Amino acid sequence: MLGRDDIGALAVGMAADLFMVDTEVLDLVGTQFDPGCLFGTVGYNRPAKSVVVAGREVARDGVLLHIDEETVRHSANALMVQMLKAGGGIA
């Protein structure tokens, strides 16, 4: 219909992004009757149960699956210190 072969299936490499959240918690009671209100009105402040990008699961239960978060955190912090020093923000 659209002339695209990168959509139409939940498979690795396909343009299929989605995320799943756990709505079985007290502060989300009733959102099953109006799912649109979940993010627009009520809000969601927990990690997603699962995140799929291009058909590949990239996060589960709030944990990134293909990235060492501790290494990234240390690298990002070191870069931030370097930028702050260069800008005169810290000694």
PDB file of N, CA and C in Angstrom:
ATOM      1  N   MET A   1       0.814  -1.184   0.000  1.00  0.00           N
ATOM      2  CA  MET A   1       0.000   0.000   0.000  1.00  0.00           C
ATOM      3  C   MET A   1       0.864   1.256   0.000  1.00  0.00           C
ATOM      4  N   LEU A   2       1.876   1.309   0.856  1.00  0.00           N
ATOM      5  CA  LEU A   2       2.725   2.494   0.935  1.00  0.00           C
ATOM      6  C   LEU A   2       3.974   2.381   0.069  1.00  0.00           C
ATOM      7  N   GLY A   3       4.211   1.209  -0.481  1.00  0.00           N
ATOM      8  CA  GLY A   3       5.393   1.017  -1.305  1.00  0.00           C
ATOM      9  C   GLY A   3       6.685   0.936  -0.514  1.00  0.00           C
ATOM     10  N   ARG A   4       6.584   0.566   0.746  1.00  0.00           N
ATOM     11  CA  ARG A   4       7.770   0.459   1.600  1.00  0.00           C
ATOM     12  C   ARG A   4       7.942  -0.981   2.044  1.00  0.00           C
ATOM     13  N   ASP A   5       9.184  -1.439   2.054  1.00  0.00           N
ATOM     14  CA  ASP A   5       9.446  -2.804   2.505  1.00  0.00           C
ATOM     15  C   ASP A   5      10.126  -2.836   3.875  1.00  0.00           C
ATOM     16  N   ASP A   6      10.178  -1.680   4.549  1.00  0.00           N
ATOM     17  CA  ASP A   6      10.802  -1.625   5.874  1.00  0.00           C
ATOM     18  C   ASP A   6       9.771  -1.508   6.990  1.00  0.00           C
ATOM     19  N   ILE A   7       8.505  -1.696   6.668  1.00  0.00           N
ATOM     20  CA  ILE A   7       7.438  -1.622   7.663  1.00  0.00           C
ATOM     21  C   ILE A   7       6.502  -2.808   7.490  1.00  0.00           C
ATOM     22  N   GLY A   8       5.640  -2.990   8.466  1.00  0.00           N
ATOM     23  CA  GLY A   8       4.623  -4.023   8.350  1.00  0.00           C
ATOM     24  C   GLY A   8       4.854  -5.256   9.188  1.00  0.00           C
ATOM     25  N   ALA A   9       5.964  -5.298   9.934  1.00  0.00           N
ATOM     26  CA  ALA A   9       6.227  -6.469  10.765  1.00  0.00           C
ATOM     27  C   ALA A   9       7.067  -6.058  11.966  1.00  0.00           C
ATOM     28  N   LEU A  10       6.892  -6.782  13.060  1.00  0.00           N
ATOM     29  CA  LEU A  10       7.758  -6.609  14.230  1.00  0.00           C
ATOM     30  C   LEU A  10       8.914  -7.581  14.068  1.00  0.00           C
ATOM     31  N   ALA A  11       9.975  -7.117  13.424  1.00  0.00           N
ATOM     32  CA  ALA A  11      11.133  -7.958  13.152  1.00  0.00           C
ATOM     33  C   ALA A  11      12.381  -7.088  13.156  1.00  0.00           C
ATOM     34  N   VAL A  12      13.525  -7.698  13.448  1.00  0.00           N
ATOM     35  CA  VAL A  12      14.785  -6.969  13.463  1.00  0.00           C
ATOM     36  C   VAL A  12      15.009  -6.313  12.111  1.00  0.00           C
ATOM     37  N   GLY A  13      15.386  -5.039  12.151  1.00  0.00           N
ATOM     38  CA  GLY A  13      15.657  -4.292  10.934  1.00  0.00           C
ATOM     39  C   GLY A  13      14.456  -3.577  10.353  1.00  0.00           C
ATOM     40  N   MET A  14      13.269  -3.899  10.834  1.00  0.00           N
ATOM     41  CA  MET A  14      12.066  -3.237  10.343  1.00  0.00           C
ATOM     42  C   MET A  14      11.846  -1.953  11.142  1.00  0.00           C
ATOM     43  N   ALA A  15      11.158  -1.002  10.528  1.00  0.00           N
ATOM     44  CA  ALA A  15      10.838   0.257  11.206  1.00  0.00           C
ATOM     45  C   ALA A  15       9.657   0.009  12.136  1.00  0.00           C
ATOM     46  N   ALA A  16       9.932  -0.666  13.220  1.00  0.00           N
ATOM     47  CA  ALA A  16       8.883  -1.044  14.165  1.00  0.00           C
ATOM     48  C   ALA A  16       9.357  -0.704  15.570  1.00  0.00           C
ATOM     49  N   ASP A  17       8.987   0.470  16.043  1.00  0.00           N
ATOM     50  CA  ASP A  17       9.367   0.899  17.383  1.00  0.00           C
ATOM     51  C   ASP A  17       8.148   0.822  18.293  1.00  0.00           C
ATOM     52  N   LEU A  18       8.347   0.340  19.500  1.00  0.00           N
ATOM     53  CA  LEU A  18       7.262   0.300  20.473  1.00  0.00           C
ATOM     54  C   LEU A  18       7.845   0.234  21.868  1.00  0.00           C
ATOM     55  N   PHE A  19       7.004   0.564  22.829  1.00  0.00           N
ATOM     56  CA  PHE A  19       7.403   0.384  24.218  1.00  0.00           C
ATOM     57  C   PHE A  19       6.197  -0.127  24.984  1.00  0.00           C
ATOM     58  N   MET A  20       6.471  -0.873  26.042  1.00  0.00           N
ATOM     59  CA  MET A  20       5.416  -1.432  26.873  1.00  0.00           C
ATOM     60  C   MET A  20       5.609  -0.941  28.301  1.00  0.00           C
ATOM     61  N   VAL A  21       4.503  -0.621  28.941  1.00  0.00           N
ATOM     62  CA  VAL A  21       4.551  -0.159  30.322  1.00  0.00           C
ATOM     63  C   VAL A  21       3.645  -1.031  31.178  1.00  0.00           C
ATOM     64  N   ASP A  22       3.939  -1.069  32.456  1.00  0.00           N
ATOM     65  CA  ASP A  22       3.150  -1.835  33.417  1.00  0.00           C
ATOM     66  C   ASP A  22       2.066  -0.924  33.978  1.00  0.00           C
ATOM     67  N   THR A  23       0.821  -1.212  33.657  1.00  0.00           N
ATOM     68  CA  THR A  23      -0.288  -0.395  34.160  1.00  0.00           C
ATOM     69  C   THR A  23      -0.955  -1.024  35.377  1.00  0.00           C
ATOM     70  N   GLU A  24      -0.409  -2.124  35.864  1.00  0.00           N
ATOM     71  CA  GLU A  24      -0.989  -2.815  37.014  1.00  0.00           C
ATOM     72  C   GLU A  24      -0.439  -2.257  38.322  1.00  0.00           C
ATOM     73  N   VAL A  25      -0.530  -0.931  38.478  1.00  0.00           N
ATOM     74  CA  VAL A  25      -0.068  -0.270  39.695  1.00  0.00           C
ATOM     75  C   VAL A  25      -1.165   0.675  40.173  1.00  0.00           C
ATOM     76  N   LEU A  26      -1.180   0.958  41.463  1.00  0.00           N
ATOM     77  CA  LEU A  26      -2.263   1.718  42.082  1.00  0.00           C
ATOM     78  C   LEU A  26      -2.512   3.082  41.438  1.00  0.00           C
ATOM     79  N   ASP A  27      -1.451   3.838  41.165  1.00  0.00           N
ATOM     80  CA  ASP A  27      -1.661   5.191  40.648  1.00  0.00           C
ATOM     81  C   ASP A  27      -2.149   5.232  39.203  1.00  0.00           C
ATOM     82  N   LEU A  28      -2.264   4.083  38.546  1.00  0.00           N
ATOM     83  CA  LEU A  28      -2.776   4.048  37.174  1.00  0.00           C
ATOM     84  C   LEU A  28      -4.136   3.364  37.070  1.00  0.00           C
ATOM     85  N   VAL A  29      -4.786   3.128  38.205  1.00  0.00           N
ATOM     86  CA  VAL A  29      -6.114   2.517  38.195  1.00  0.00           C
ATOM     87  C   VAL A  29      -7.050   3.360  37.331  1.00  0.00           C
ATOM     88  N   GLY A  30      -7.746   2.716  36.435  1.00  0.00           N
ATOM     89  CA  GLY A  30      -8.712   3.388  35.572  1.00  0.00           C
ATOM     90  C   GLY A  30      -8.177   3.787  34.215  1.00  0.00           C
ATOM     91  N   THR A  31      -6.859   3.797  34.048  1.00  0.00           N
ATOM     92  CA  THR A  31      -6.317   4.229  32.759  1.00  0.00           C
ATOM     93  C   THR A  31      -6.616   3.236  31.642  1.00  0.00           C
ATOM     94  N   GLN A  32      -6.976   2.008  32.003  1.00  0.00           N
ATOM     95  CA  GLN A  32      -7.313   1.046  30.954  1.00  0.00           C
ATOM     96  C   GLN A  32      -8.582   1.443  30.212  1.00  0.00           C
ATOM     97  N   PHE A  33      -9.396   2.305  30.800  1.00  0.00           N
ATOM     98  CA  PHE A  33     -10.633   2.743  30.152  1.00  0.00           C
ATOM     99  C   PHE A  33     -10.409   3.931  29.222  1.00  0.00           C
ATOM    100  N   ASP A  34      -9.280   4.614  29.376  1.00  0.00           N
ATOM    101  CA  ASP A  34      -8.936   5.746  28.509  1.00  0.00           C
ATOM    102  C   ASP A  34      -7.416   5.780  28.356  1.00  0.00           C
ATOM    103  N   PRO A  35      -6.864   4.865  27.550  1.00  0.00           N
ATOM    104  CA  PRO A  35      -5.406   4.768  27.427  1.00  0.00           C
ATOM    105  C   PRO A  35      -4.733   6.073  27.023  1.00  0.00           C
ATOM    106  N   GLY A  36      -5.425   6.925  26.285  1.00  0.00           N
ATOM    107  CA  GLY A  36      -4.847   8.198  25.875  1.00  0.00           C
ATOM    108  C   GLY A  36      -4.511   9.102  27.036  1.00  0.00           C
ATOM    109  N   CYS A  37      -5.231   8.949  28.140  1.00  0.00           N
ATOM    110  CA  CYS A  37      -4.975   9.808  29.302  1.00  0.00           C
ATOM    111  C   CYS A  37      -3.728   9.382  30.062  1.00  0.00           C
ATOM    112  N   LEU A  38      -3.257   8.163  29.832  1.00  0.00           N
ATOM    113  CA  LEU A  38      -2.112   7.655  30.589  1.00  0.00           C
ATOM    114  C   LEU A  38      -0.920   8.593  30.490  1.00  0.00           C
ATOM    115  N   PHE A  39      -0.530   8.994  29.296  1.00  0.00           N
ATOM    116  CA  PHE A  39       0.642   9.855  29.131  1.00  0.00           C
ATOM    117  C   PHE A  39       0.264  11.328  29.078  1.00  0.00           C
ATOM    118  N   GLY A  40      -0.882  11.642  28.494  1.00  0.00           N
ATOM    119  CA  GLY A  40      -1.282  13.032  28.337  1.00  0.00           C
ATOM    120  C   GLY A  40      -1.776  13.696  29.606  1.00  0.00           C
ATOM    121  N   THR A  41      -2.388  12.923  30.494  1.00  0.00           N
ATOM    122  CA  THR A  41      -2.983  13.503  31.697  1.00  0.00           C
ATOM    123  C   THR A  41      -2.348  12.956  32.973  1.00  0.00           C
ATOM    124  N   VAL A  42      -2.325  11.649  33.101  1.00  0.00           N
ATOM    125  CA  VAL A  42      -1.854  11.013  34.330  1.00  0.00           C
ATOM    126  C   VAL A  42      -0.333  11.036  34.427  1.00  0.00           C
ATOM    127  N   GLY A  43       0.343  10.673  33.351  1.00  0.00           N
ATOM    128  CA  GLY A  43       1.801  10.607  33.338  1.00  0.00           C
ATOM    129  C   GLY A  43       2.307   9.236  33.745  1.00  0.00           C
ATOM    130  N   TYR A  44       3.546   8.970  33.421  1.00  0.00           N
ATOM    131  CA  TYR A  44       4.169   7.686  33.731  1.00  0.00           C
ATOM    132  C   TYR A  44       5.617   7.956  34.100  1.00  0.00           C
ATOM    133  N   ASN A  45       5.995   7.628  35.330  1.00  0.00           N
ATOM    134  CA  ASN A  45       7.341   7.961  35.801  1.00  0.00           C
ATOM    135  C   ASN A  45       8.168   6.739  36.185  1.00  0.00           C
ATOM    136  N   ARG A  46       7.891   5.632  35.547  1.00  0.00           N
ATOM    137  CA  ARG A  46       8.640   4.403  35.812  1.00  0.00           C
ATOM    138  C   ARG A  46       9.376   3.978  34.538  1.00  0.00           C
ATOM    139  N   PRO A  47      10.394   3.139  34.685  1.00  0.00           N
ATOM    140  CA  PRO A  47      11.033   2.613  33.475  1.00  0.00           C
ATOM    141  C   PRO A  47      10.041   1.761  32.678  1.00  0.00           C
ATOM    142  N   ALA A  48      10.194   1.757  31.379  1.00  0.00           N
ATOM    143  CA  ALA A  48       9.346   0.919  30.530  1.00  0.00           C
ATOM    144  C   ALA A  48       9.672  -0.549  30.786  1.00  0.00           C
ATOM    145  N   LYS A  49       8.679  -1.405  30.637  1.00  0.00           N
ATOM    146  CA  LYS A  49       8.906  -2.844  30.777  1.00  0.00           C
ATOM    147  C   LYS A  49       9.769  -3.348  29.626  1.00  0.00           C
ATOM    148  N   SER A  50       9.527  -2.811  28.423  1.00  0.00           N
ATOM    149  CA  SER A  50      10.286  -3.217  27.247  1.00  0.00           C
ATOM    150  C   SER A  50      10.277  -2.085  26.231  1.00  0.00           C
ATOM    151  N   VAL A  51      11.409  -1.903  25.540  1.00  0.00           N
ATOM    152  CA  VAL A  51      11.506  -0.923  24.460  1.00  0.00           C
ATOM    153  C   VAL A  51      12.106  -1.632  23.251  1.00  0.00           C
ATOM    154  N   VAL A  52      11.420  -1.523  22.109  1.00  0.00           N
ATOM    155  CA  VAL A  52      11.874  -2.141  20.867  1.00  0.00           C
ATOM    156  C   VAL A  52      12.099  -1.037  19.847  1.00  0.00           C
ATOM    157  N   VAL A  53      13.286  -1.015  19.235  1.00  0.00           N
ATOM    158  CA  VAL A  53      13.627  -0.028  18.209  1.00  0.00           C
ATOM    159  C   VAL A  53      14.093  -0.782  16.969  1.00  0.00           C
ATOM    160  N   ALA A  54      13.466  -0.478  15.844  1.00  0.00           N
ATOM    161  CA  ALA A  54      13.785  -1.151  14.574  1.00  0.00           C
ATOM    162  C   ALA A  54      13.680  -2.667  14.723  1.00  0.00           C
ATOM    163  N   GLY A  55      12.695  -3.105  15.498  1.00  0.00           N
ATOM    164  CA  GLY A  55      12.459  -4.530  15.667  1.00  0.00           C
ATOM    165  C   GLY A  55      13.397  -5.221  16.639  1.00  0.00           C
ATOM    166  N   ARG A  56      14.268  -4.478  17.309  1.00  0.00           N
ATOM    167  CA  ARG A  56      15.249  -5.060  18.232  1.00  0.00           C
ATOM    168  C   ARG A  56      14.982  -4.546  19.642  1.00  0.00           C
ATOM    169  N   GLU A  57      14.849  -5.461  20.603  1.00  0.00           N
ATOM    170  CA  GLU A  57      14.632  -5.038  21.987  1.00  0.00           C
ATOM    171  C   GLU A  57      15.906  -4.373  22.505  1.00  0.00           C
ATOM    172  N   VAL A  58      15.776  -3.125  22.971  1.00  0.00           N
ATOM    173  CA  VAL A  58      16.941  -2.379  23.448  1.00  0.00           C
ATOM    174  C   VAL A  58      16.913  -2.134  24.951  1.00  0.00           C
ATOM    175  N   ALA A  59      15.748  -2.312  25.587  1.00  0.00           N
ATOM    176  CA  ALA A  59      15.655  -2.147  27.038  1.00  0.00           C
ATOM    177  C   ALA A  59      14.586  -3.080  27.582  1.00  0.00           C
ATOM    178  N   ARG A  60      14.850  -3.584  28.791  1.00  0.00           N
ATOM    179  CA  ARG A  60      13.882  -4.456  29.462  1.00  0.00           C
ATOM    180  C   ARG A  60      13.933  -4.158  30.949  1.00  0.00           C
ATOM    181  N   ASP A  61      12.756  -3.932  31.525  1.00  0.00           N
ATOM    182  CA  ASP A  61      12.640  -3.645  32.963  1.00  0.00           C
ATOM    183  C   ASP A  61      13.563  -2.511  33.400  1.00  0.00           C
ATOM    184  N   GLY A  62      13.660  -1.470  32.556  1.00  0.00           N
ATOM    185  CA  GLY A  62      14.431  -0.288  32.905  1.00  0.00           C
ATOM    186  C   GLY A  62      15.929  -0.400  32.700  1.00  0.00           C
ATOM    187  N   VAL A  63      16.384  -1.497  32.110  1.00  0.00           N
ATOM    188  CA  VAL A  63      17.816  -1.705  31.896  1.00  0.00           C
ATOM    189  C   VAL A  63      18.105  -1.739  30.398  1.00  0.00           C
ATOM    190  N   LEU A  64      19.094  -0.925  29.969  1.00  0.00           N
ATOM    191  CA  LEU A  64      19.525  -0.967  28.573  1.00  0.00           C
ATOM    192  C   LEU A  64      20.249  -2.281  28.333  1.00  0.00           C
ATOM    193  N   LEU A  65      19.908  -2.979  27.261  1.00  0.00           N
ATOM    194  CA  LEU A  65      20.437  -4.319  27.031  1.00  0.00           C
ATOM    195  C   LEU A  65      21.760  -4.344  26.278  1.00  0.00           C
ATOM    196  N   HIS A  66      22.059  -3.328  25.498  1.00  0.00           N
ATOM    197  CA  HIS A  66      23.228  -3.383  24.622  1.00  0.00           C
ATOM    198  C   HIS A  66      24.244  -2.284  24.924  1.00  0.00           C
ATOM    199  N   ILE A  67      24.108  -1.640  26.070  1.00  0.00           N
ATOM    200  CA  ILE A  67      25.003  -0.557  26.462  1.00  0.00           C
ATOM    201  C   ILE A  67      25.412  -0.780  27.914  1.00  0.00           C
ATOM    202  N   ASP A  68      26.696  -0.636  28.183  1.00  0.00           N
ATOM    203  CA  ASP A  68      27.186  -0.709  29.557  1.00  0.00           C
ATOM    204  C   ASP A  68      26.960   0.662  30.189  1.00  0.00           C
ATOM    205  N   GLU A  69      25.849   0.802  30.908  1.00  0.00           N
ATOM    206  CA  GLU A  69      25.466   2.102  31.465  1.00  0.00           C
ATOM    207  C   GLU A  69      26.526   2.676  32.396  1.00  0.00           C
ATOM    208  N   GLU A  70      27.200   1.849  33.154  1.00  0.00           N
ATOM    209  CA  GLU A  70      28.221   2.329  34.087  1.00  0.00           C
ATOM    210  C   GLU A  70      29.380   2.971  33.325  1.00  0.00           C
ATOM    211  N   THR A  71      29.826   2.340  32.249  1.00  0.00           N
ATOM    212  CA  THR A  71      30.905   2.893  31.428  1.00  0.00           C
ATOM    213  C   THR A  71      30.479   4.204  30.789  1.00  0.00           C
ATOM    214  N   VAL A  72      29.258   4.249  30.249  1.00  0.00           N
ATOM    215  CA  VAL A  72      28.751   5.471  29.625  1.00  0.00           C
ATOM    216  C   VAL A  72      28.642   6.588  30.660  1.00  0.00           C
ATOM    217  N   ARG A  73      28.169   6.262  31.855  1.00  0.00           N
ATOM    218  CA  ARG A  73      28.035   7.263  32.916  1.00  0.00           C
ATOM    219  C   ARG A  73      29.392   7.859  33.279  1.00  0.00           C
ATOM    220  N   HIS A  74      30.396   6.997  33.451  1.00  0.00           N
ATOM    221  CA  HIS A  74      31.738   7.487  33.786  1.00  0.00           C
ATOM    222  C   HIS A  74      32.299   8.363  32.667  1.00  0.00           C
ATOM    223  N   SER A  75      32.149   7.933  31.424  1.00  0.00           N
ATOM    224  CA  SER A  75      32.647   8.710  30.281  1.00  0.00           C
ATOM    225  C   SER A  75      31.940  10.052  30.181  1.00  0.00           C
ATOM    226  N   ALA A  76      30.625  10.051  30.356  1.00  0.00           N
ATOM    227  CA  ALA A  76      29.848  11.291  30.267  1.00  0.00           C
ATOM    228  C   ALA A  76      30.222  12.245  31.393  1.00  0.00           C
ATOM    229  N   ASN A  77      30.436  11.713  32.590  1.00  0.00           N
ATOM    230  CA  ASN A  77      30.820  12.555  33.719  1.00  0.00           C
ATOM    231  C   ASN A  77      32.200  13.172  33.488  1.00  0.00           C
ATOM    232  N   ALA A  78      33.140  12.387  32.979  1.00  0.00           N
ATOM    233  CA  ALA A  78      34.483  12.904  32.695  1.00  0.00           C
ATOM    234  C   ALA A  78      34.420  13.994  31.627  1.00  0.00           C
ATOM    235  N   LEU A  79      33.600  13.803  30.612  1.00  0.00           N
ATOM    236  CA  LEU A  79      33.439  14.804  29.561  1.00  0.00           C
ATOM    237  C   LEU A  79      32.807  16.078  30.117  1.00  0.00           C
ATOM    238  N   MET A  80      31.841  15.937  30.999  1.00  0.00           N
ATOM    239  CA  MET A  80      31.198  17.100  31.608  1.00  0.00           C
ATOM    240  C   MET A  80      32.203  17.902  32.428  1.00  0.00           C
ATOM    241  N   VAL A  81      33.037  17.229  33.210  1.00  0.00           N
ATOM    242  CA  VAL A  81      34.068  17.909  33.996  1.00  0.00           C
ATOM    243  C   VAL A  81      35.020  18.649  33.061  1.00  0.00           C
ATOM    244  N   GLN A  82      35.427  17.996  31.975  1.00  0.00           N
ATOM    245  CA  GLN A  82      36.326  18.612  30.993  1.00  0.00           C
ATOM    246  C   GLN A  82      35.695  19.873  30.394  1.00  0.00           C
ATOM    247  N   MET A  83      34.427  19.813  30.026  1.00  0.00           N
ATOM    248  CA  MET A  83      33.748  20.975  29.435  1.00  0.00           C
ATOM    249  C   MET A  83      33.587  22.102  30.453  1.00  0.00           C
ATOM    250  N   LEU A  84      33.245  21.748  31.684  1.00  0.00           N
ATOM    251  CA  LEU A  84      33.094  22.773  32.722  1.00  0.00           C
ATOM    252  C   LEU A  84      34.420  23.470  33.013  1.00  0.00           C
ATOM    253  N   LYS A  85      35.497  22.693  33.052  1.00  0.00           N
ATOM    254  CA  LYS A  85      36.820  23.291  33.269  1.00  0.00           C
ATOM    255  C   LYS A  85      37.184  24.217  32.112  1.00  0.00           C
ATOM    256  N   ALA A  86      36.933  23.777  30.892  1.00  0.00           N
ATOM    257  CA  ALA A  86      37.258  24.585  29.709  1.00  0.00           C
ATOM    258  C   ALA A  86      36.459  25.880  29.690  1.00  0.00           C
ATOM    259  N   GLY A  87      35.253  25.841  30.199  1.00  0.00           N
ATOM    260  CA  GLY A  87      34.398  27.029  30.216  1.00  0.00           C
ATOM    261  C   GLY A  87      34.548  27.869  31.467  1.00  0.00           C
ATOM    262  N   GLY A  88      35.422  27.453  32.364  1.00  0.00           N
ATOM    263  CA  GLY A  88      35.630  28.209  33.595  1.00  0.00           C
ATOM    264  C   GLY A  88      34.577  27.946  34.657  1.00  0.00           C
ATOM    265  N   GLY A  89      33.766  26.905  34.459  1.00  0.00           N
ATOM    266  CA  GLY A  89      32.699  26.600  35.408  1.00  0.00           C
ATOM    267  C   GLY A  89      33.186  25.967  36.692  1.00  0.00           C
ATOM    268  N   ILE A  90      34.310  25.240  36.623  1.00  0.00           N
ATOM    269  CA  ILE A  90      34.908  24.648  37.824  1.00  0.00           C
ATOM    270  C   ILE A  90      36.422  24.764  37.706  1.00  0.00           C
ATOM    271  N   ALA A  91      37.077  24.721  38.854  1.00  0.00           N
ATOM    272  CA  ALA A  91      38.546  24.851  38.867  1.00  0.00           C
ATOM    273  C   ALA A  91      39.195  23.503  38.681  1.00  0.00           C
TER     274      ALA A  91
END
